[in-house]
Amino acid sequence: MGIVGQLALGARLARRGLRGGMRSLRIVLACLALGVAAIAAVGTLRAGIQAGLLADGARILGGDVEVRGGARPLPAELRQWAAARAPTSPPSPPCGPCWSRRAASGCWWS
């Protein structure tokens, strides 16, 4: 079947589908318009959220600087320097099997 035959078949199927009236075509077009509008709305919302995070991400999410010291506590000079420049949060306890022993022994983060 050539391209002319395929076009004829498509036209015949479209005429058969429209035999019931334009009502079914209107429903299909309404669903298509609703789907396109939903995709456009999601894209606009994503772009707005991305622009907001780029503009105010540090302020919204907090934390401009993170210092990692490994398993050892940070030096007192570094903690004093950071506290003098901005409010600081307490250090997070380390993860791992030994943190419960250290916390029980009165380590600096407990």
N, C-alpha and C. Protein backbone atom coordinates (compact mmCIF):
# COMPACT_ATOMS: atom_id res chain seq x y z
N MET A 1 0.86 -1.17 0.00
CA MET A 1 0.00 0.00 0.00
C MET A 1 0.91 1.23 0.00
N GLY A 2 0.72 2.08 -0.99
CA GLY A 2 1.52 3.29 -1.12
C GLY A 2 1.00 4.40 -0.23
N ILE A 3 1.60 5.55 -0.38
CA ILE A 3 1.21 6.69 0.45
C ILE A 3 -0.20 7.16 0.12
N VAL A 4 -0.60 7.04 -1.14
CA VAL A 4 -1.96 7.44 -1.52
C VAL A 4 -2.97 6.51 -0.87
N GLY A 5 -2.67 5.23 -0.86
CA GLY A 5 -3.56 4.27 -0.22
C GLY A 5 -3.67 4.51 1.28
N GLN A 6 -2.55 4.87 1.92
CA GLN A 6 -2.58 5.15 3.35
C GLN A 6 -3.40 6.40 3.66
N LEU A 7 -3.25 7.44 2.81
CA LEU A 7 -4.05 8.66 3.01
C LEU A 7 -5.54 8.38 2.82
N ALA A 8 -5.86 7.55 1.82
CA ALA A 8 -7.26 7.20 1.58
C ALA A 8 -7.83 6.41 2.77
N LEU A 9 -7.01 5.49 3.30
CA LEU A 9 -7.46 4.73 4.46
C LEU A 9 -7.67 5.66 5.66
N GLY A 10 -6.76 6.59 5.85
CA GLY A 10 -6.91 7.55 6.96
C GLY A 10 -8.15 8.40 6.81
N ALA A 11 -8.43 8.86 5.60
CA ALA A 11 -9.63 9.67 5.35
C ALA A 11 -10.89 8.84 5.58
N ARG A 12 -10.86 7.58 5.13
CA ARG A 12 -12.02 6.71 5.32
C ARG A 12 -12.28 6.47 6.81
N LEU A 13 -11.20 6.23 7.59
CA LEU A 13 -11.38 6.01 9.03
C LEU A 13 -11.85 7.29 9.74
N ALA A 14 -11.35 8.44 9.31
CA ALA A 14 -11.79 9.70 9.92
C ALA A 14 -13.26 9.94 9.62
N ARG A 15 -13.69 9.68 8.36
CA ARG A 15 -15.11 9.87 8.02
C ARG A 15 -15.98 8.92 8.82
N ARG A 16 -15.51 7.69 9.02
CA ARG A 16 -16.27 6.72 9.80
C ARG A 16 -16.37 7.16 11.26
N GLY A 17 -15.25 7.72 11.79
CA GLY A 17 -15.27 8.19 13.17
C GLY A 17 -16.18 9.39 13.38
N LEU A 18 -16.29 10.23 12.35
CA LEU A 18 -17.15 11.41 12.46
C LEU A 18 -18.61 11.11 12.15
N ARG A 19 -18.90 9.88 11.73
CA ARG A 19 -20.27 9.51 11.42
C ARG A 19 -21.18 9.68 12.63
N GLY A 20 -20.63 9.45 13.83
CA GLY A 20 -21.43 9.61 15.04
C GLY A 20 -21.67 11.06 15.39
N GLY A 21 -21.02 11.98 14.74
CA GLY A 21 -21.24 13.40 15.00
C GLY A 21 -19.95 14.05 15.48
N MET A 22 -20.02 15.33 15.64
CA MET A 22 -18.87 16.12 16.05
C MET A 22 -18.67 16.08 17.57
N ARG A 23 -19.61 15.51 18.29
CA ARG A 23 -19.52 15.50 19.75
C ARG A 23 -18.27 14.76 20.23
N SER A 24 -17.98 13.62 19.67
CA SER A 24 -16.81 12.85 20.09
C SER A 24 -15.52 13.59 19.73
N LEU A 25 -15.52 14.28 18.60
CA LEU A 25 -14.34 15.06 18.22
C LEU A 25 -14.12 16.21 19.20
N ARG A 26 -15.17 16.83 19.64
CA ARG A 26 -15.05 17.92 20.62
C ARG A 26 -14.46 17.42 21.94
N ILE A 27 -14.87 16.24 22.35
CA ILE A 27 -14.33 15.67 23.59
C ILE A 27 -12.84 15.39 23.44
N VAL A 28 -12.45 14.85 22.31
CA VAL A 28 -11.03 14.58 22.06
C VAL A 28 -10.23 15.88 22.06
N LEU A 29 -10.74 16.90 21.38
CA LEU A 29 -10.05 18.18 21.35
C LEU A 29 -9.98 18.84 22.72
N ALA A 30 -11.04 18.70 23.51
CA ALA A 30 -11.02 19.25 24.87
C ALA A 30 -9.98 18.54 25.75
N CYS A 31 -9.89 17.23 25.61
CA CYS A 31 -8.88 16.48 26.37
C CYS A 31 -7.48 16.86 25.93
N LEU A 32 -7.30 17.04 24.65
CA LEU A 32 -6.00 17.45 24.13
C LEU A 32 -5.61 18.83 24.65
N ALA A 33 -6.55 19.77 24.65
CA ALA A 33 -6.28 21.11 25.16
C ALA A 33 -5.98 21.08 26.66
N LEU A 34 -6.70 20.26 27.40
CA LEU A 34 -6.45 20.14 28.84
C LEU A 34 -5.07 19.56 29.11
N GLY A 35 -4.65 18.57 28.34
CA GLY A 35 -3.32 17.99 28.52
C GLY A 35 -2.22 18.98 28.21
N VAL A 36 -2.38 19.74 27.12
CA VAL A 36 -1.38 20.75 26.77
C VAL A 36 -1.31 21.82 27.85
N ALA A 37 -2.45 22.25 28.37
CA ALA A 37 -2.47 23.27 29.42
C ALA A 37 -1.81 22.75 30.69
N ALA A 38 -2.02 21.50 31.04
CA ALA A 38 -1.39 20.93 32.24
C ALA A 38 0.12 20.86 32.08
N ILE A 39 0.60 20.46 30.92
CA ILE A 39 2.04 20.39 30.68
C ILE A 39 2.65 21.79 30.73
N ALA A 40 1.97 22.77 30.16
CA ALA A 40 2.48 24.15 30.19
C ALA A 40 2.50 24.69 31.62
N ALA A 41 1.48 24.37 32.42
CA ALA A 41 1.44 24.85 33.80
C ALA A 41 2.56 24.24 34.63
N VAL A 42 2.84 22.98 34.45
CA VAL A 42 3.92 22.33 35.19
C VAL A 42 5.27 22.93 34.79
N GLY A 43 5.46 23.19 33.50
CA GLY A 43 6.70 23.80 33.05
C GLY A 43 6.89 25.19 33.61
N THR A 44 5.81 25.98 33.66
CA THR A 44 5.89 27.32 34.22
C THR A 44 6.18 27.27 35.71
N LEU A 45 5.56 26.37 36.43
CA LEU A 45 5.81 26.23 37.87
C LEU A 45 7.25 25.82 38.13
N ARG A 46 7.77 24.88 37.34
CA ARG A 46 9.15 24.45 37.50
C ARG A 46 10.12 25.59 37.26
N ALA A 47 9.86 26.37 36.23
CA ALA A 47 10.74 27.50 35.93
C ALA A 47 10.68 28.55 37.04
N GLY A 48 9.51 28.78 37.61
CA GLY A 48 9.38 29.73 38.71
C GLY A 48 10.12 29.28 39.96
N ILE A 49 10.00 28.00 40.28
CA ILE A 49 10.71 27.46 41.45
C ILE A 49 12.21 27.53 41.24
N GLN A 50 12.67 27.19 40.05
CA GLN A 50 14.10 27.23 39.76
C GLN A 50 14.63 28.66 39.85
N ALA A 51 13.90 29.63 39.32
CA ALA A 51 14.33 31.02 39.39
C ALA A 51 14.37 31.51 40.83
N GLY A 52 13.37 31.11 41.62
CA GLY A 52 13.36 31.51 43.03
C GLY A 52 14.51 30.92 43.82
N LEU A 53 14.83 29.66 43.56
CA LEU A 53 15.96 29.04 44.26
C LEU A 53 17.29 29.64 43.84
N LEU A 54 17.42 29.98 42.56
CA LEU A 54 18.66 30.61 42.11
C LEU A 54 18.83 31.99 42.72
N ALA A 55 17.73 32.73 42.87
CA ALA A 55 17.81 34.09 43.40
C ALA A 55 18.00 34.10 44.91
N ASP A 56 17.26 33.27 45.64
CA ASP A 56 17.28 33.31 47.10
C ASP A 56 17.59 31.97 47.73
N GLY A 57 18.28 31.10 47.01
CA GLY A 57 18.52 29.74 47.51
C GLY A 57 19.28 29.69 48.81
N ALA A 58 20.33 30.49 48.94
CA ALA A 58 21.13 30.45 50.17
C ALA A 58 20.31 30.92 51.36
N ARG A 59 19.49 31.96 51.15
CA ARG A 59 18.69 32.48 52.25
C ARG A 59 17.56 31.50 52.61
N ILE A 60 16.94 30.90 51.61
CA ILE A 60 15.84 29.97 51.87
C ILE A 60 16.34 28.70 52.53
N LEU A 61 17.39 28.12 51.98
CA LEU A 61 17.89 26.85 52.48
C LEU A 61 18.82 27.00 53.68
N GLY A 62 19.34 28.19 53.88
CA GLY A 62 20.23 28.44 55.01
C GLY A 62 21.59 27.82 54.78
N GLY A 63 22.51 28.20 55.61
CA GLY A 63 23.84 27.61 55.56
C GLY A 63 24.66 28.10 54.39
N ASP A 64 25.46 29.12 54.61
CA ASP A 64 26.33 29.61 53.55
C ASP A 64 27.66 28.87 53.54
N VAL A 65 28.08 28.39 54.71
CA VAL A 65 29.38 27.74 54.82
C VAL A 65 29.21 26.47 55.64
N GLU A 66 29.88 25.41 55.21
CA GLU A 66 29.90 24.17 55.97
C GLU A 66 31.36 23.78 56.15
N VAL A 67 31.72 23.50 57.39
CA VAL A 67 33.09 23.11 57.70
C VAL A 67 33.07 21.67 58.17
N ARG A 68 33.90 20.85 57.57
CA ARG A 68 33.98 19.44 57.97
C ARG A 68 35.34 19.20 58.58
N GLY A 69 35.34 18.60 59.74
CA GLY A 69 36.60 18.34 60.42
C GLY A 69 36.91 16.88 60.58
N GLY A 70 36.15 16.03 59.94
CA GLY A 70 36.39 14.60 60.09
C GLY A 70 35.94 14.12 61.46
N ALA A 71 36.67 13.18 62.03
CA ALA A 71 36.29 12.61 63.32
C ALA A 71 36.79 13.46 64.48
N ARG A 72 37.70 14.38 64.20
CA ARG A 72 38.25 15.21 65.28
C ARG A 72 37.44 16.48 65.43
N PRO A 73 37.36 17.03 66.63
CA PRO A 73 36.66 18.30 66.82
C PRO A 73 37.42 19.44 66.14
N LEU A 74 36.68 20.46 65.75
CA LEU A 74 37.32 21.62 65.14
C LEU A 74 38.14 22.37 66.17
N PRO A 75 39.21 23.01 65.77
CA PRO A 75 40.01 23.79 66.71
C PRO A 75 39.19 24.93 67.30
N ALA A 76 39.49 25.29 68.53
CA ALA A 76 38.75 26.35 69.22
C ALA A 76 38.88 27.67 68.48
N GLU A 77 40.03 27.94 67.87
CA GLU A 77 40.20 29.20 67.15
C GLU A 77 39.23 29.30 65.97
N LEU A 78 39.05 28.20 65.27
CA LEU A 78 38.13 28.20 64.13
C LEU A 78 36.70 28.41 64.59
N ARG A 79 36.30 27.75 65.66
CA ARG A 79 34.94 27.93 66.18
C ARG A 79 34.72 29.36 66.63
N GLN A 80 35.71 29.97 67.30
CA GLN A 80 35.58 31.37 67.75
C GLN A 80 35.52 32.32 66.56
N TRP A 81 36.35 32.07 65.54
CA TRP A 81 36.34 32.91 64.36
C TRP A 81 34.98 32.88 63.66
N ALA A 82 34.40 31.69 63.52
CA ALA A 82 33.10 31.56 62.87
C ALA A 82 31.99 32.18 63.71
N ALA A 83 32.03 32.00 65.03
CA ALA A 83 31.00 32.55 65.90
C ALA A 83 31.05 34.08 65.91
N ALA A 84 32.23 34.67 65.73
CA ALA A 84 32.35 36.13 65.73
C ALA A 84 31.76 36.74 64.46
N ARG A 85 31.66 35.98 63.38
CA ARG A 85 31.19 36.53 62.12
C ARG A 85 29.72 36.28 61.83
N ALA A 86 29.17 35.25 62.36
CA ALA A 86 27.77 34.93 62.08
C ALA A 86 27.27 33.93 63.11
N PRO A 87 25.96 33.83 63.27
CA PRO A 87 25.43 32.80 64.17
C PRO A 87 25.79 31.41 63.63
N THR A 88 26.17 30.55 64.49
CA THR A 88 26.54 29.20 64.08
C THR A 88 25.64 28.19 64.76
N SER A 89 25.48 27.06 64.11
CA SER A 89 24.70 25.98 64.70
C SER A 89 25.66 25.01 65.36
N PRO A 90 25.17 24.24 66.31
CA PRO A 90 26.06 23.27 66.96
C PRO A 90 26.50 22.21 65.97
N PRO A 91 27.65 21.63 66.17
CA PRO A 91 28.14 20.60 65.24
C PRO A 91 27.26 19.37 65.27
N SER A 92 27.17 18.73 64.15
CA SER A 92 26.40 17.49 64.05
C SER A 92 27.23 16.34 64.58
N PRO A 93 26.58 15.39 65.25
CA PRO A 93 27.34 14.22 65.71
C PRO A 93 27.78 13.39 64.51
N PRO A 94 28.93 12.81 64.58
CA PRO A 94 29.37 11.98 63.46
C PRO A 94 28.57 10.69 63.38
N CYS A 95 28.55 10.13 62.23
CA CYS A 95 27.85 8.85 62.03
C CYS A 95 28.86 7.72 62.14
N GLY A 96 28.43 6.63 62.61
CA GLY A 96 29.31 5.47 62.66
C GLY A 96 29.15 4.71 63.95
N PRO A 97 29.81 3.56 64.05
CA PRO A 97 29.62 2.70 65.21
C PRO A 97 30.24 3.26 66.49
N CYS A 98 31.19 4.20 66.38
CA CYS A 98 31.87 4.65 67.60
C CYS A 98 31.25 5.89 68.21
N TRP A 99 30.27 6.53 67.60
CA TRP A 99 29.78 7.78 68.15
C TRP A 99 29.05 7.60 69.45
N SER A 100 28.39 6.48 69.66
CA SER A 100 27.69 6.28 70.93
C SER A 100 28.68 6.16 72.08
N ARG A 101 29.84 5.53 71.87
CA ARG A 101 30.86 5.46 72.92
C ARG A 101 31.40 6.84 73.25
N ARG A 102 31.67 7.64 72.21
CA ARG A 102 32.22 8.97 72.44
C ARG A 102 31.21 9.88 73.12
N ALA A 103 29.95 9.78 72.72
CA ALA A 103 28.92 10.60 73.35
C ALA A 103 28.76 10.22 74.81
N ALA A 104 28.87 8.95 75.10
CA ALA A 104 28.74 8.51 76.49
C ALA A 104 29.93 8.98 77.33
N SER A 105 31.09 9.18 76.69
CA SER A 105 32.26 9.59 77.46
C SER A 105 32.34 11.12 77.61
N GLY A 106 31.34 11.85 77.11
CA GLY A 106 31.32 13.29 77.29
C GLY A 106 32.16 14.03 76.27
N CYS A 107 32.14 13.57 75.05
CA CYS A 107 32.92 14.22 73.99
C CYS A 107 32.33 15.59 73.70
N TRP A 108 32.99 16.40 72.89
CA TRP A 108 32.63 17.80 72.68
C TRP A 108 31.27 18.01 72.03
N TRP A 109 30.72 17.03 71.31
CA TRP A 109 29.42 17.25 70.67
C TRP A 109 28.27 16.72 71.50
N SER A 110 28.53 16.08 72.61
CA SER A 110 27.43 15.51 73.39
C SER A 110 26.83 16.54 74.30
